Amino acid sequence: MRRARVKISGRVQGVFFRASCADQAQGSGISGWVRNASAGVVEAVFEGEETGVEAMIAWCRKGPPHARVDDVEVTEEAPIGAEGFHIVQ
């Protein structure tokens, strides 16, 4: 199991990044959450099998069609046994 906190910057708010991210994660069996953070950043936590988490990080580097990703910062965390994937307000 792997858990990664990801901060994505660029044009990532107002382009359905959170909803698209949640769809991707749920379809991949990844747990965690995604939210808009300050300064136009989207923050997400992905937890699950190594290959699934890595796939989500790769997806974040591209994002949905109308996004422009400038930077992705990844911080490893200890898995906590998260269940489900949620959009946090």
N, C-alpha and C. Protein backbone atom coordinates (compact mmCIF):
# COMPACT_ATOMS: atom_id res chain seq x y z
N MET A 1 0.84 -1.20 0.00
CA MET A 1 0.00 0.00 0.00
C MET A 1 0.88 1.25 0.00
N ARG A 2 0.38 2.25 -0.67
CA ARG A 2 1.08 3.54 -0.76
C ARG A 2 0.08 4.66 -0.55
N ARG A 3 0.55 5.73 0.08
CA ARG A 3 -0.26 6.94 0.26
C ARG A 3 0.59 8.13 -0.15
N ALA A 4 0.06 8.96 -1.03
CA ALA A 4 0.79 10.13 -1.52
C ALA A 4 -0.11 11.35 -1.47
N ARG A 5 0.44 12.46 -0.97
CA ARG A 5 -0.24 13.76 -1.00
C ARG A 5 0.32 14.52 -2.20
N VAL A 6 -0.58 15.05 -3.03
CA VAL A 6 -0.18 15.67 -4.28
C VAL A 6 -0.74 17.09 -4.33
N LYS A 7 0.12 18.05 -4.67
CA LYS A 7 -0.31 19.43 -4.87
C LYS A 7 -0.06 19.79 -6.32
N ILE A 8 -1.15 20.20 -7.00
CA ILE A 8 -1.10 20.48 -8.43
C ILE A 8 -1.33 21.97 -8.64
N SER A 9 -0.44 22.62 -9.36
CA SER A 9 -0.61 24.05 -9.63
C SER A 9 -0.67 24.30 -11.13
N GLY A 10 -1.24 25.44 -11.46
CA GLY A 10 -1.45 25.84 -12.85
C GLY A 10 -2.87 26.33 -12.99
N ARG A 11 -3.47 26.11 -14.15
CA ARG A 11 -4.90 26.42 -14.30
C ARG A 11 -5.65 25.13 -13.97
N VAL A 12 -5.90 24.92 -12.69
CA VAL A 12 -6.47 23.66 -12.23
C VAL A 12 -7.77 23.85 -11.44
N GLN A 13 -8.17 25.09 -11.22
CA GLN A 13 -9.46 25.34 -10.57
C GLN A 13 -10.41 25.90 -11.61
N GLY A 14 -11.68 25.49 -11.52
CA GLY A 14 -12.68 25.95 -12.47
C GLY A 14 -12.65 25.22 -13.79
N VAL A 15 -11.96 24.07 -13.86
CA VAL A 15 -11.87 23.30 -15.10
C VAL A 15 -12.26 21.83 -14.87
N PHE A 16 -13.04 21.59 -13.82
CA PHE A 16 -13.53 20.25 -13.46
C PHE A 16 -12.40 19.29 -13.06
N PHE A 17 -11.31 19.86 -12.53
CA PHE A 17 -10.19 19.02 -12.12
C PHE A 17 -10.60 18.07 -11.00
N ARG A 18 -11.27 18.60 -9.97
CA ARG A 18 -11.65 17.75 -8.82
C ARG A 18 -12.60 16.64 -9.23
N ALA A 19 -13.63 16.97 -10.00
CA ALA A 19 -14.60 15.96 -10.41
C ALA A 19 -13.95 14.90 -11.30
N SER A 20 -13.11 15.34 -12.22
CA SER A 20 -12.42 14.39 -13.10
C SER A 20 -11.46 13.51 -12.32
N CYS A 21 -10.77 14.10 -11.35
CA CYS A 21 -9.84 13.36 -10.50
C CYS A 21 -10.60 12.30 -9.70
N ALA A 22 -11.74 12.68 -9.14
CA ALA A 22 -12.54 11.73 -8.35
C ALA A 22 -13.02 10.59 -9.24
N ASP A 23 -13.46 10.88 -10.45
CA ASP A 23 -13.89 9.83 -11.37
C ASP A 23 -12.75 8.86 -11.67
N GLN A 24 -11.57 9.41 -11.94
CA GLN A 24 -10.40 8.57 -12.22
C GLN A 24 -10.05 7.68 -11.03
N ALA A 25 -10.02 8.28 -9.84
CA ALA A 25 -9.64 7.53 -8.64
C ALA A 25 -10.66 6.43 -8.34
N GLN A 26 -11.93 6.77 -8.41
CA GLN A 26 -12.97 5.77 -8.13
C GLN A 26 -12.91 4.64 -9.13
N GLY A 27 -12.67 4.95 -10.39
CA GLY A 27 -12.56 3.93 -11.42
C GLY A 27 -11.34 3.05 -11.27
N SER A 28 -10.34 3.56 -10.55
CA SER A 28 -9.09 2.82 -10.35
C SER A 28 -9.02 2.13 -8.99
N GLY A 29 -10.06 2.30 -8.18
CA GLY A 29 -10.06 1.68 -6.86
C GLY A 29 -9.14 2.37 -5.87
N ILE A 30 -8.86 3.64 -6.09
CA ILE A 30 -7.98 4.40 -5.21
C ILE A 30 -8.83 5.14 -4.18
N SER A 31 -8.37 5.16 -2.94
CA SER A 31 -9.05 5.88 -1.86
C SER A 31 -8.36 7.22 -1.64
N GLY A 32 -9.06 8.12 -0.93
CA GLY A 32 -8.49 9.41 -0.58
C GLY A 32 -9.46 10.54 -0.80
N TRP A 33 -8.92 11.70 -1.16
CA TRP A 33 -9.75 12.89 -1.36
C TRP A 33 -9.05 13.89 -2.27
N VAL A 34 -9.83 14.87 -2.74
CA VAL A 34 -9.29 15.97 -3.55
C VAL A 34 -10.04 17.24 -3.14
N ARG A 35 -9.33 18.38 -3.15
CA ARG A 35 -9.95 19.65 -2.78
C ARG A 35 -9.22 20.81 -3.44
N ASN A 36 -9.92 21.95 -3.55
CA ASN A 36 -9.27 23.18 -3.95
C ASN A 36 -8.55 23.72 -2.72
N ALA A 37 -7.31 24.11 -2.88
CA ALA A 37 -6.54 24.72 -1.79
C ALA A 37 -6.31 26.19 -2.14
N SER A 38 -5.57 26.88 -1.33
CA SER A 38 -5.33 28.30 -1.56
C SER A 38 -4.43 28.52 -2.77
N ALA A 39 -4.46 29.74 -3.25
CA ALA A 39 -3.58 30.19 -4.34
C ALA A 39 -3.74 29.40 -5.63
N GLY A 40 -4.96 28.94 -5.92
CA GLY A 40 -5.21 28.25 -7.18
C GLY A 40 -4.62 26.86 -7.30
N VAL A 41 -4.36 26.23 -6.17
CA VAL A 41 -3.77 24.89 -6.13
C VAL A 41 -4.86 23.86 -5.84
N VAL A 42 -4.74 22.69 -6.44
CA VAL A 42 -5.58 21.56 -6.09
C VAL A 42 -4.71 20.59 -5.31
N GLU A 43 -5.24 20.09 -4.19
CA GLU A 43 -4.52 19.15 -3.34
C GLU A 43 -5.30 17.84 -3.30
N ALA A 44 -4.60 16.73 -3.36
CA ALA A 44 -5.24 15.42 -3.32
C ALA A 44 -4.39 14.45 -2.52
N VAL A 45 -5.06 13.46 -1.95
CA VAL A 45 -4.38 12.35 -1.29
C VAL A 45 -4.87 11.08 -1.95
N PHE A 46 -3.93 10.25 -2.39
CA PHE A 46 -4.25 8.97 -3.03
C PHE A 46 -3.68 7.85 -2.19
N GLU A 47 -4.51 6.84 -1.92
CA GLU A 47 -4.05 5.68 -1.16
C GLU A 47 -4.55 4.41 -1.84
N GLY A 48 -3.65 3.45 -1.99
CA GLY A 48 -4.01 2.18 -2.60
C GLY A 48 -2.78 1.44 -3.06
N GLU A 49 -2.98 0.55 -4.00
CA GLU A 49 -1.86 -0.22 -4.55
C GLU A 49 -0.90 0.73 -5.27
N GLU A 50 0.37 0.39 -5.24
CA GLU A 50 1.43 1.21 -5.83
C GLU A 50 1.12 1.63 -7.26
N THR A 51 0.70 0.68 -8.10
CA THR A 51 0.46 0.99 -9.51
C THR A 51 -0.71 1.97 -9.67
N GLY A 52 -1.74 1.83 -8.86
CA GLY A 52 -2.89 2.73 -8.93
C GLY A 52 -2.54 4.14 -8.49
N VAL A 53 -1.80 4.25 -7.41
CA VAL A 53 -1.38 5.58 -6.93
C VAL A 53 -0.46 6.24 -7.97
N GLU A 54 0.46 5.48 -8.51
CA GLU A 54 1.36 6.03 -9.53
C GLU A 54 0.57 6.49 -10.76
N ALA A 55 -0.45 5.73 -11.14
CA ALA A 55 -1.29 6.12 -12.28
C ALA A 55 -2.04 7.42 -12.00
N MET A 56 -2.50 7.61 -10.76
CA MET A 56 -3.20 8.85 -10.41
C MET A 56 -2.24 10.04 -10.43
N ILE A 57 -1.03 9.84 -9.96
CA ILE A 57 -0.04 10.92 -10.00
C ILE A 57 0.26 11.29 -11.46
N ALA A 58 0.39 10.29 -12.31
CA ALA A 58 0.63 10.53 -13.74
C ALA A 58 -0.56 11.29 -14.35
N TRP A 59 -1.78 10.91 -13.97
CA TRP A 59 -2.96 11.61 -14.48
C TRP A 59 -2.93 13.07 -14.05
N CYS A 60 -2.53 13.34 -12.81
CA CYS A 60 -2.48 14.71 -12.31
C CYS A 60 -1.50 15.57 -13.09
N ARG A 61 -0.47 14.98 -13.65
CA ARG A 61 0.50 15.74 -14.43
C ARG A 61 -0.10 16.27 -15.74
N LYS A 62 -1.23 15.67 -16.15
CA LYS A 62 -1.92 16.08 -17.37
C LYS A 62 -3.25 16.75 -17.04
N GLY A 63 -4.05 16.13 -16.18
CA GLY A 63 -5.34 16.68 -15.78
C GLY A 63 -6.40 16.53 -16.85
N PRO A 64 -7.58 17.11 -16.61
CA PRO A 64 -8.67 17.06 -17.59
C PRO A 64 -8.37 17.98 -18.78
N PRO A 65 -9.18 17.89 -19.84
CA PRO A 65 -8.89 18.61 -21.08
C PRO A 65 -8.64 20.12 -20.95
N HIS A 66 -9.36 20.85 -20.10
CA HIS A 66 -9.22 22.30 -20.05
C HIS A 66 -8.21 22.78 -19.02
N ALA A 67 -7.56 21.86 -18.34
CA ALA A 67 -6.56 22.23 -17.33
C ALA A 67 -5.21 22.50 -17.99
N ARG A 68 -4.40 23.28 -17.29
CA ARG A 68 -3.00 23.46 -17.66
C ARG A 68 -2.18 23.22 -16.38
N VAL A 69 -1.49 22.12 -16.32
CA VAL A 69 -0.72 21.77 -15.13
C VAL A 69 0.69 22.30 -15.28
N ASP A 70 1.10 23.14 -14.33
CA ASP A 70 2.45 23.70 -14.34
C ASP A 70 3.40 22.92 -13.45
N ASP A 71 2.89 22.39 -12.33
CA ASP A 71 3.76 21.70 -11.38
C ASP A 71 2.95 20.70 -10.57
N VAL A 72 3.59 19.58 -10.24
CA VAL A 72 2.99 18.57 -9.37
C VAL A 72 4.02 18.24 -8.30
N GLU A 73 3.65 18.47 -7.05
CA GLU A 73 4.51 18.18 -5.90
C GLU A 73 3.95 16.96 -5.17
N VAL A 74 4.78 15.94 -4.98
CA VAL A 74 4.34 14.70 -4.35
C VAL A 74 5.08 14.50 -3.04
N THR A 75 4.31 14.24 -1.97
CA THR A 75 4.87 13.95 -0.65
C THR A 75 4.33 12.59 -0.21
N GLU A 76 5.22 11.69 0.15
CA GLU A 76 4.81 10.37 0.63
C GLU A 76 4.33 10.45 2.07
N GLU A 77 3.29 9.69 2.40
CA GLU A 77 2.76 9.61 3.75
C GLU A 77 2.55 8.15 4.11
N ALA A 78 2.39 7.88 5.39
CA ALA A 78 2.10 6.52 5.83
C ALA A 78 0.64 6.19 5.54
N PRO A 79 0.35 5.04 4.94
CA PRO A 79 -1.04 4.65 4.68
C PRO A 79 -1.84 4.57 5.99
N ILE A 80 -3.12 4.95 5.91
CA ILE A 80 -3.97 4.92 7.10
C ILE A 80 -5.19 4.02 6.94
N GLY A 81 -5.27 3.33 5.79
CA GLY A 81 -6.43 2.47 5.56
C GLY A 81 -7.66 3.22 5.10
N ALA A 82 -7.47 4.29 4.35
CA ALA A 82 -8.59 5.10 3.86
C ALA A 82 -9.51 4.25 2.98
N GLU A 83 -10.79 4.60 3.01
CA GLU A 83 -11.78 3.91 2.18
C GLU A 83 -12.59 4.93 1.40
N GLY A 84 -12.79 4.66 0.12
CA GLY A 84 -13.57 5.55 -0.73
C GLY A 84 -12.77 6.77 -1.15
N PHE A 85 -13.30 7.47 -2.13
CA PHE A 85 -12.66 8.70 -2.62
C PHE A 85 -13.68 9.81 -2.59
N HIS A 86 -13.30 10.98 -2.05
CA HIS A 86 -14.25 12.06 -1.82
C HIS A 86 -13.72 13.39 -2.32
N ILE A 87 -14.64 14.22 -2.78
CA ILE A 87 -14.32 15.62 -3.06
C ILE A 87 -14.61 16.39 -1.79
N VAL A 88 -13.59 17.08 -1.27
CA VAL A 88 -13.71 17.86 -0.05
C VAL A 88 -13.96 19.31 -0.43
N GLN A 89 -14.92 19.93 0.21
CA GLN A 89 -15.24 21.34 -0.08
C GLN A 89 -14.35 22.29 0.67
